[in-house]
Amino acid sequence: MSQLEQNFQNTLFKLIPQTKNLGIKITKIDEHQITVHGDYALNKNHLNIVFGGSIAAISITTAWSLVQSKIEQAGLKGNLVIKRQEIDYLLPVKTDFECVASFHSADDWERFEKTYQEKGRAKIVVTAQIISEARATSKFQGVFVLYQ
């Protein structure tokens, strides 16, 4: 984990303390993508699979983290919230896993930043997948809004 990932993970746990209980670790932040490692043991349910609520919470957290880290890197000030989300559960998760969140296209961030600077409010769509045993086990899409 580089200093960027460590610093943002500390920020995440400070801004949203509950996320620490999910047993996640930010492993990589790229220009348009973030990867989080998830702990099976901390998120399993009575069926010995990862609890659907954990999958949803980790997907939202990972997607939010991508946008929030970009906001911080760009020096923008405002409040980031989720407006809408949808998730499809494809396969059960029986091991540690990764959640990978990204923007729909490379132009999304630039449009988002420009709109925010012009209007003081902007929205962006982020997708995320839980990957376990080299397979996508869920697909998430969320709309996030930054406002002053």
C-alpha atoms as a PDB file:
ATOM      1  CA  MET A   1       0.000   0.000   0.000  1.00  0.00           C
ATOM      2  CA  SER A   2       1.469   3.337  -1.056  1.00  0.00           C
ATOM      3  CA  GLN A   3       1.247   6.529   0.983  1.00  0.00           C
ATOM      4  CA  LEU A   4      -1.709   7.709  -1.141  1.00  0.00           C
ATOM      5  CA  GLU A   5      -3.734   4.595  -0.310  1.00  0.00           C
ATOM      6  CA  GLN A   6      -2.740   4.659   3.379  1.00  0.00           C
ATOM      7  CA  ASN A   7      -3.598   8.345   3.754  1.00  0.00           C
ATOM      8  CA  PHE A   8      -6.958   7.940   2.078  1.00  0.00           C
ATOM      9  CA  GLN A   9      -7.804   4.836   4.113  1.00  0.00           C
ATOM     10  CA  ASN A  10      -7.112   6.843   7.284  1.00  0.00           C
ATOM     11  CA  THR A  11      -9.364   9.619   5.936  1.00  0.00           C
ATOM     12  CA  LEU A  12     -12.124   7.117   5.113  1.00  0.00           C
ATOM     13  CA  PHE A  13     -12.064   5.588   8.591  1.00  0.00           C
ATOM     14  CA  LYS A  14     -12.156   9.085  10.110  1.00  0.00           C
ATOM     15  CA  LEU A  15     -15.009  10.406   7.924  1.00  0.00           C
ATOM     16  CA  ILE A  16     -17.101   7.212   8.086  1.00  0.00           C
ATOM     17  CA  PRO A  17     -15.985   5.262  11.196  1.00  0.00           C
ATOM     18  CA  GLN A  18     -18.323   2.326  10.465  1.00  0.00           C
ATOM     19  CA  THR A  19     -16.281   1.442   7.368  1.00  0.00           C
ATOM     20  CA  LYS A  20     -13.441   0.239   9.582  1.00  0.00           C
ATOM     21  CA  ASN A  21     -15.740  -2.542  10.856  1.00  0.00           C
ATOM     22  CA  LEU A  22     -16.184  -3.854   7.298  1.00  0.00           C
ATOM     23  CA  GLY A  23     -12.606  -5.136   7.327  1.00  0.00           C
ATOM     24  CA  ILE A  24     -11.650  -3.375   4.118  1.00  0.00           C
ATOM     25  CA  LYS A  25      -8.231  -2.186   3.028  1.00  0.00           C
ATOM     26  CA  ILE A  26      -7.595   0.154   0.128  1.00  0.00           C
ATOM     27  CA  THR A  27      -4.992  -1.548  -2.022  1.00  0.00           C
ATOM     28  CA  LYS A  28      -4.789   0.676  -5.110  1.00  0.00           C
ATOM     29  CA  ILE A  29      -5.933   4.101  -6.250  1.00  0.00           C
ATOM     30  CA  ASP A  30      -5.516   4.919  -9.940  1.00  0.00           C
ATOM     31  CA  GLU A  31      -6.664   7.908 -11.952  1.00  0.00           C
ATOM     32  CA  HIS A  32     -10.094   6.418 -12.722  1.00  0.00           C
ATOM     33  CA  GLN A  33     -10.265   3.320 -10.491  1.00  0.00           C
ATOM     34  CA  ILE A  34      -9.890   2.145  -6.902  1.00  0.00           C
ATOM     35  CA  THR A  35      -9.432  -1.374  -5.532  1.00  0.00           C
ATOM     36  CA  VAL A  36     -10.360  -2.468  -2.015  1.00  0.00           C
ATOM     37  CA  HIS A  37      -9.588  -5.818  -0.353  1.00  0.00           C
ATOM     38  CA  GLY A  38     -12.444  -7.342   1.653  1.00  0.00           C
ATOM     39  CA  ASP A  39     -12.193  -9.809   4.514  1.00  0.00           C
ATOM     40  CA  TYR A  40     -14.448 -12.857   4.194  1.00  0.00           C
ATOM     41  CA  ALA A  41     -14.264 -13.767   7.896  1.00  0.00           C
ATOM     42  CA  LEU A  42     -15.547 -10.359   9.025  1.00  0.00           C
ATOM     43  CA  ASN A  43     -18.427 -10.311   6.543  1.00  0.00           C
ATOM     44  CA  LYS A  44     -19.745 -13.890   6.369  1.00  0.00           C
ATOM     45  CA  ASN A  45     -23.244 -14.823   7.410  1.00  0.00           C
ATOM     46  CA  HIS A  46     -24.944 -17.950   8.781  1.00  0.00           C
ATOM     47  CA  LEU A  47     -24.684 -19.600   5.323  1.00  0.00           C
ATOM     48  CA  ASN A  48     -20.883 -19.130   5.300  1.00  0.00           C
ATOM     49  CA  ILE A  49     -21.069 -16.700   2.390  1.00  0.00           C
ATOM     50  CA  VAL A  50     -20.488 -12.962   2.458  1.00  0.00           C
ATOM     51  CA  PHE A  51     -23.592 -11.171   3.710  1.00  0.00           C
ATOM     52  CA  GLY A  52     -25.450  -9.262   0.980  1.00  0.00           C
ATOM     53  CA  GLY A  53     -25.566  -6.179   3.205  1.00  0.00           C
ATOM     54  CA  SER A  54     -21.771  -6.221   3.448  1.00  0.00           C
ATOM     55  CA  ILE A  55     -21.470  -6.539  -0.316  1.00  0.00           C
ATOM     56  CA  ALA A  56     -23.750  -3.532  -0.768  1.00  0.00           C
ATOM     57  CA  ALA A  57     -21.994  -1.473   1.915  1.00  0.00           C
ATOM     58  CA  ILE A  58     -18.520  -2.273   0.571  1.00  0.00           C
ATOM     59  CA  SER A  59     -19.601  -1.510  -2.991  1.00  0.00           C
ATOM     60  CA  ILE A  60     -21.033   1.876  -1.969  1.00  0.00           C
ATOM     61  CA  THR A  61     -17.975   2.624   0.170  1.00  0.00           C
ATOM     62  CA  THR A  62     -15.543   1.729  -2.609  1.00  0.00           C
ATOM     63  CA  ALA A  63     -17.416   3.797  -5.205  1.00  0.00           C
ATOM     64  CA  TRP A  64     -17.718   6.748  -2.790  1.00  0.00           C
ATOM     65  CA  SER A  65     -14.005   6.447  -1.991  1.00  0.00           C
ATOM     66  CA  LEU A  66     -13.069   6.733  -5.658  1.00  0.00           C
ATOM     67  CA  VAL A  67     -14.950  10.008  -6.027  1.00  0.00           C
ATOM     68  CA  GLN A  68     -13.898  11.383  -2.626  1.00  0.00           C
ATOM     69  CA  SER A  69     -10.209  10.659  -3.270  1.00  0.00           C
ATOM     70  CA  LYS A  70     -10.434  12.470  -6.632  1.00  0.00           C
ATOM     71  CA  ILE A  71     -12.192  15.407  -4.938  1.00  0.00           C
ATOM     72  CA  GLU A  72      -9.397  15.656  -2.376  1.00  0.00           C
ATOM     73  CA  GLN A  73      -6.670  15.367  -5.026  1.00  0.00           C
ATOM     74  CA  ALA A  74      -8.351  18.139  -7.065  1.00  0.00           C
ATOM     75  CA  GLY A  75      -8.664  20.400  -4.015  1.00  0.00           C
ATOM     76  CA  LEU A  76     -12.447  20.670  -4.347  1.00  0.00           C
ATOM     77  CA  LYS A  77     -14.554  21.513  -1.296  1.00  0.00           C
ATOM     78  CA  GLY A  78     -18.071  20.225  -0.800  1.00  0.00           C
ATOM     79  CA  ASN A  79     -20.220  17.379   0.459  1.00  0.00           C
ATOM     80  CA  LEU A  80     -20.342  14.063  -1.391  1.00  0.00           C
ATOM     81  CA  VAL A  81     -23.440  11.892  -1.019  1.00  0.00           C
ATOM     82  CA  ILE A  82     -24.988   8.973  -2.818  1.00  0.00           C
ATOM     83  CA  LYS A  83     -28.192   9.807  -4.680  1.00  0.00           C
ATOM     84  CA  ARG A  84     -29.153   6.434  -6.135  1.00  0.00           C
ATOM     85  CA  GLN A  85     -27.770   2.908  -6.231  1.00  0.00           C
ATOM     86  CA  GLU A  86     -28.527  -0.435  -7.784  1.00  0.00           C
ATOM     87  CA  ILE A  87     -26.839  -3.762  -7.196  1.00  0.00           C
ATOM     88  CA  ASP A  88     -27.137  -7.182  -8.787  1.00  0.00           C
ATOM     89  CA  TYR A  89     -25.935 -10.226  -6.865  1.00  0.00           C
ATOM     90  CA  LEU A  90     -24.554 -12.769  -9.336  1.00  0.00           C
ATOM     91  CA  LEU A  91     -22.741 -15.422  -7.280  1.00  0.00           C
ATOM     92  CA  PRO A  92     -22.125 -16.189  -3.592  1.00  0.00           C
ATOM     93  CA  VAL A  93     -18.802 -15.044  -2.130  1.00  0.00           C
ATOM     94  CA  LYS A  94     -16.979 -17.701  -0.097  1.00  0.00           C
ATOM     95  CA  THR A  95     -13.456 -16.216   0.181  1.00  0.00           C
ATOM     96  CA  ASP A  96     -11.660 -12.935   0.685  1.00  0.00           C
ATOM     97  CA  PHE A  97     -12.527 -10.660  -2.204  1.00  0.00           C
ATOM     98  CA  GLU A  98     -11.794  -7.399  -3.976  1.00  0.00           C
ATOM     99  CA  CYS A  99     -14.111  -4.560  -4.847  1.00  0.00           C
ATOM    100  CA  VAL A 100     -13.105  -2.539  -7.900  1.00  0.00           C
ATOM    101  CA  ALA A 101     -14.853   0.768  -8.619  1.00  0.00           C
ATOM    102  CA  SER A 102     -14.429   2.916 -11.699  1.00  0.00           C
ATOM    103  CA  PHE A 103     -16.005   5.708 -13.695  1.00  0.00           C
ATOM    104  CA  HIS A 104     -18.042   4.815 -16.785  1.00  0.00           C
ATOM    105  CA  SER A 105     -15.615   6.616 -19.086  1.00  0.00           C
ATOM    106  CA  ALA A 106     -12.343   8.511 -18.896  1.00  0.00           C
ATOM    107  CA  ASP A 107     -14.199  11.779 -19.620  1.00  0.00           C
ATOM    108  CA  ASP A 108     -16.585  11.451 -16.670  1.00  0.00           C
ATOM    109  CA  TRP A 109     -14.290  12.990 -14.074  1.00  0.00           C
ATOM    110  CA  GLU A 110     -13.366  15.974 -16.233  1.00  0.00           C
ATOM    111  CA  ARG A 111     -17.069  16.707 -16.928  1.00  0.00           C
ATOM    112  CA  PHE A 112     -17.892  16.289 -13.233  1.00  0.00           C
ATOM    113  CA  GLU A 113     -15.135  18.656 -12.108  1.00  0.00           C
ATOM    114  CA  LYS A 114     -16.022  21.290 -14.724  1.00  0.00           C
ATOM    115  CA  THR A 115     -19.740  21.159 -13.874  1.00  0.00           C
ATOM    116  CA  TYR A 116     -18.983  21.482 -10.159  1.00  0.00           C
ATOM    117  CA  GLN A 117     -16.731  24.500 -10.678  1.00  0.00           C
ATOM    118  CA  GLU A 118     -19.376  26.180 -12.852  1.00  0.00           C
ATOM    119  CA  LYS A 119     -22.541  25.318 -10.899  1.00  0.00           C
ATOM    120  CA  GLY A 120     -21.463  24.343  -7.383  1.00  0.00           C
ATOM    121  CA  ARG A 121     -23.145  20.953  -7.833  1.00  0.00           C
ATOM    122  CA  ALA A 122     -22.335  17.932  -9.989  1.00  0.00           C
ATOM    123  CA  LYS A 123     -23.196  14.248 -10.257  1.00  0.00           C
ATOM    124  CA  ILE A 124     -21.209  11.277 -11.459  1.00  0.00           C
ATOM    125  CA  VAL A 125     -21.970   7.600 -12.067  1.00  0.00           C
ATOM    126  CA  VAL A 126     -19.615   5.005 -10.591  1.00  0.00           C
ATOM    127  CA  THR A 127     -19.693   1.254 -11.136  1.00  0.00           C
ATOM    128  CA  ALA A 128     -18.217  -1.380  -8.848  1.00  0.00           C
ATOM    129  CA  GLN A 129     -17.794  -5.132  -8.906  1.00  0.00           C
ATOM    130  CA  ILE A 130     -17.031  -7.592  -6.162  1.00  0.00           C
ATOM    131  CA  ILE A 131     -14.453 -10.046  -7.510  1.00  0.00           C
ATOM    132  CA  SER A 132     -13.989 -13.416  -5.824  1.00  0.00           C
ATOM    133  CA  GLU A 133     -12.022 -16.345  -7.199  1.00  0.00           C
ATOM    134  CA  ALA A 134     -11.417 -14.375 -10.429  1.00  0.00           C
ATOM    135  CA  ARG A 135     -15.157 -13.951 -11.068  1.00  0.00           C
ATOM    136  CA  ALA A 136     -17.500 -10.974 -10.790  1.00  0.00           C
ATOM    137  CA  THR A 137     -19.961 -11.865  -8.036  1.00  0.00           C
ATOM    138  CA  SER A 138     -21.927  -8.604  -7.960  1.00  0.00           C
ATOM    139  CA  LYS A 139     -22.370  -5.489 -10.056  1.00  0.00           C
ATOM    140  CA  PHE A 140     -23.117  -2.109  -8.498  1.00  0.00           C
ATOM    141  CA  GLN A 141     -23.947   1.243 -10.036  1.00  0.00           C
ATOM    142  CA  GLY A 142     -24.328   4.408  -8.007  1.00  0.00           C
ATOM    143  CA  VAL A 143     -24.959   8.084  -8.709  1.00  0.00           C
ATOM    144  CA  PHE A 144     -22.998  10.395  -6.429  1.00  0.00           C
ATOM    145  CA  VAL A 145     -23.581  14.114  -5.986  1.00  0.00           C
ATOM    146  CA  LEU A 146     -21.109  16.753  -4.802  1.00  0.00           C
ATOM    147  CA  TYR A 147     -22.682  19.970  -3.557  1.00  0.00           C
ATOM    148  CA  GLN A 148     -21.570  23.070  -1.666  1.00  0.00           C
END
